[in-house]
Protein backbone atom coordinates (compact mmCIF):
# COMPACT_ATOMS: atom_id res chain seq x y z
CA MET A 1 132.67 50.09 149.23
CA GLU A 2 135.75 50.14 147.03
CA THR A 3 137.59 47.81 149.26
CA GLN A 4 134.90 45.26 148.89
CA VAL A 5 134.99 45.57 145.02
CA LYS A 6 138.60 44.85 145.13
CA TYR A 7 138.10 41.64 147.35
CA MET A 8 135.54 40.52 144.98
CA TRP A 9 137.55 40.90 142.29
CA VAL A 10 140.60 38.95 144.06
CA VAL A 11 137.97 36.08 144.81
CA VAL A 12 136.75 35.85 141.39
CA PHE A 13 140.52 35.71 140.14
CA VAL A 14 141.55 32.94 142.72
CA VAL A 15 138.21 30.97 141.93
CA SER A 16 138.78 31.12 138.19
CA MET A 17 142.26 30.25 138.53
CA THR A 18 141.49 27.26 140.68
CA ILE A 19 139.05 25.94 138.00
CA ALA A 20 141.72 26.49 135.31
CA GLY A 21 144.23 24.69 137.29
CA LEU A 22 141.82 21.53 138.09
CA ASN A 23 140.99 21.40 134.55
CA GLY A 24 144.78 21.46 133.42
CA VAL A 25 145.36 18.82 136.20
CA GLU A 26 142.42 16.74 134.46
CA ALA A 27 143.80 16.94 131.23
CA THR A 28 147.37 15.96 131.39
CA HIS A 29 146.65 12.65 130.39
CA ASP A 30 146.70 14.17 126.57
CA TYR A 31 149.98 15.60 127.36
CA TYR A 32 151.65 12.37 127.45
CA GLY A 33 152.99 10.65 124.38
CA PRO A 34 152.20 6.99 123.23
CA CYS A 35 154.59 5.50 125.97
CA GLY A 36 152.82 7.27 128.61
CA LYS A 37 154.80 8.85 131.03
CA HIS A 38 158.04 7.20 130.08
CA ASP A 39 160.94 9.09 128.37
CA ILE A 40 160.59 7.90 124.81
CA GLU A 41 164.43 8.01 124.31
CA LYS A 42 165.44 6.06 127.15
CA GLU A 43 162.78 3.50 125.88
CA ALA A 44 164.44 3.40 122.70
CA GLN A 45 167.98 2.78 124.72
CA LYS A 46 166.10 -0.15 125.97
CA LEU A 47 165.79 -1.59 122.70
CA SER A 48 169.63 -1.77 122.02
CA PRO A 49 169.58 -5.80 121.96
CA CYS A 50 167.33 -5.37 118.58
CA THR A 51 169.66 -2.75 116.76
CA TYR A 52 171.35 -5.33 114.57
CA ALA A 53 168.11 -7.04 113.73
CA ALA A 54 166.35 -3.61 113.10
CA LYS A 55 168.98 -2.61 110.34
CA TYR A 56 168.85 -5.70 108.40
CA TRP A 57 166.30 -8.11 106.96
CA ARG A 58 168.28 -11.49 107.37
CA ALA A 59 170.05 -10.61 110.74
CA PRO A 60 169.36 -13.23 113.30
CA VAL A 61 166.94 -12.08 116.52
CA SER A 62 168.41 -12.62 119.83
CA GLU A 63 166.10 -14.09 122.38
CA ARG A 64 166.74 -11.01 124.37
CA CYS A 65 165.48 -8.86 121.61
CA CYS A 66 162.48 -11.17 121.14
CA ALA A 67 161.66 -10.82 125.01
CA ILE A 68 161.70 -6.82 124.90
CA ILE A 69 159.54 -6.73 121.81
CA GLU A 70 157.11 -9.08 123.03
CA LYS A 71 156.94 -6.88 126.07
CA LYS A 72 156.78 -3.64 123.90
CA LEU A 73 154.01 -5.38 121.68
CA THR A 74 151.52 -4.82 124.37
CA ASN A 75 151.46 -0.95 123.22
CA PRO A 76 152.25 -1.29 119.46
CA GLY A 77 151.68 2.71 119.53
CA CYS A 78 154.64 3.11 121.82
CA LEU A 79 156.76 0.47 120.05
CA CYS A 80 156.26 2.40 116.81
CA ALA A 81 157.20 5.79 118.44
CA ILE A 82 160.16 4.24 119.71
CA LEU A 83 161.12 3.27 116.24
CA GLN A 84 161.02 6.69 114.89
CA THR A 85 162.97 8.37 117.63
CA ARG A 86 166.19 10.13 117.18
CA THR A 87 167.84 7.54 119.00
CA ALA A 88 166.84 4.76 116.91
CA TYR A 89 167.56 6.78 113.88
CA ASP A 90 171.18 7.33 115.08
CA ALA A 91 171.56 3.93 115.69
CA GLY A 92 170.76 3.05 112.20
CA VAL A 93 167.45 1.28 112.87
CA ARG A 94 165.15 1.16 109.71
CA PRO A 95 161.53 1.07 110.70
CA GLU A 96 160.61 -1.04 107.64
CA VAL A 97 162.95 -3.66 109.05
CA ALA A 98 162.29 -3.23 112.68
CA VAL A 99 158.31 -4.01 112.01
CA THR A 100 159.50 -7.34 110.90
CA ILE A 101 161.24 -8.46 114.08
CA PRO A 102 157.81 -9.87 115.80
CA LYS A 103 157.31 -12.14 112.99
CA ARG A 104 161.27 -13.15 113.10
CA CYS A 105 160.77 -14.06 116.62
CA ASN A 106 157.66 -16.00 116.11
CA ILE A 107 155.56 -14.00 118.65
CA ALA A 108 152.02 -15.37 118.14
CA VAL A 109 150.29 -12.25 119.38
CA ARG A 110 151.49 -9.38 117.15
CA PRO A 111 149.81 -6.22 115.81
CA VAL A 112 149.43 -7.57 112.20
CA GLY A 113 148.58 -4.52 109.81
CA HIS A 114 148.86 -1.90 112.63
CA LYS A 115 150.80 0.70 110.71
CA CYS A 116 154.07 2.15 111.95
CA GLY A 117 155.33 5.33 109.95
CA GLY A 118 153.61 3.85 106.73
CA PHE A 119 155.08 0.29 107.49
CA PRO A 120 152.43 -2.13 108.85
CA PHE A 121 153.87 -4.80 111.03
CA VAL A 122 153.72 -8.35 109.67
């Protein structure tokens, strides 16, 4: 009888861990940040052609930068998160300047009014 109780506890433990594990796997989408599974610091490095334009209001914006920004604008939350990374900070990127890049690139579809760290995209 005592052996059956031990097995029953083992079965209950295994079933409960399986249920907990399945719920954890199901909920992992909440774990990822605004850029999904992408490493946000690596995504920030991809914006290196935009560094100068993200530091100075009147700096010219390269075509390469505009192409990258246009792609990133499909997810403005991701772009905003990238602008606030340590990589961007270390490069001297000023988010209040960086949010003006889409307009300076003449990108027609841009997230006007979407706030990024308190600074709205224009």
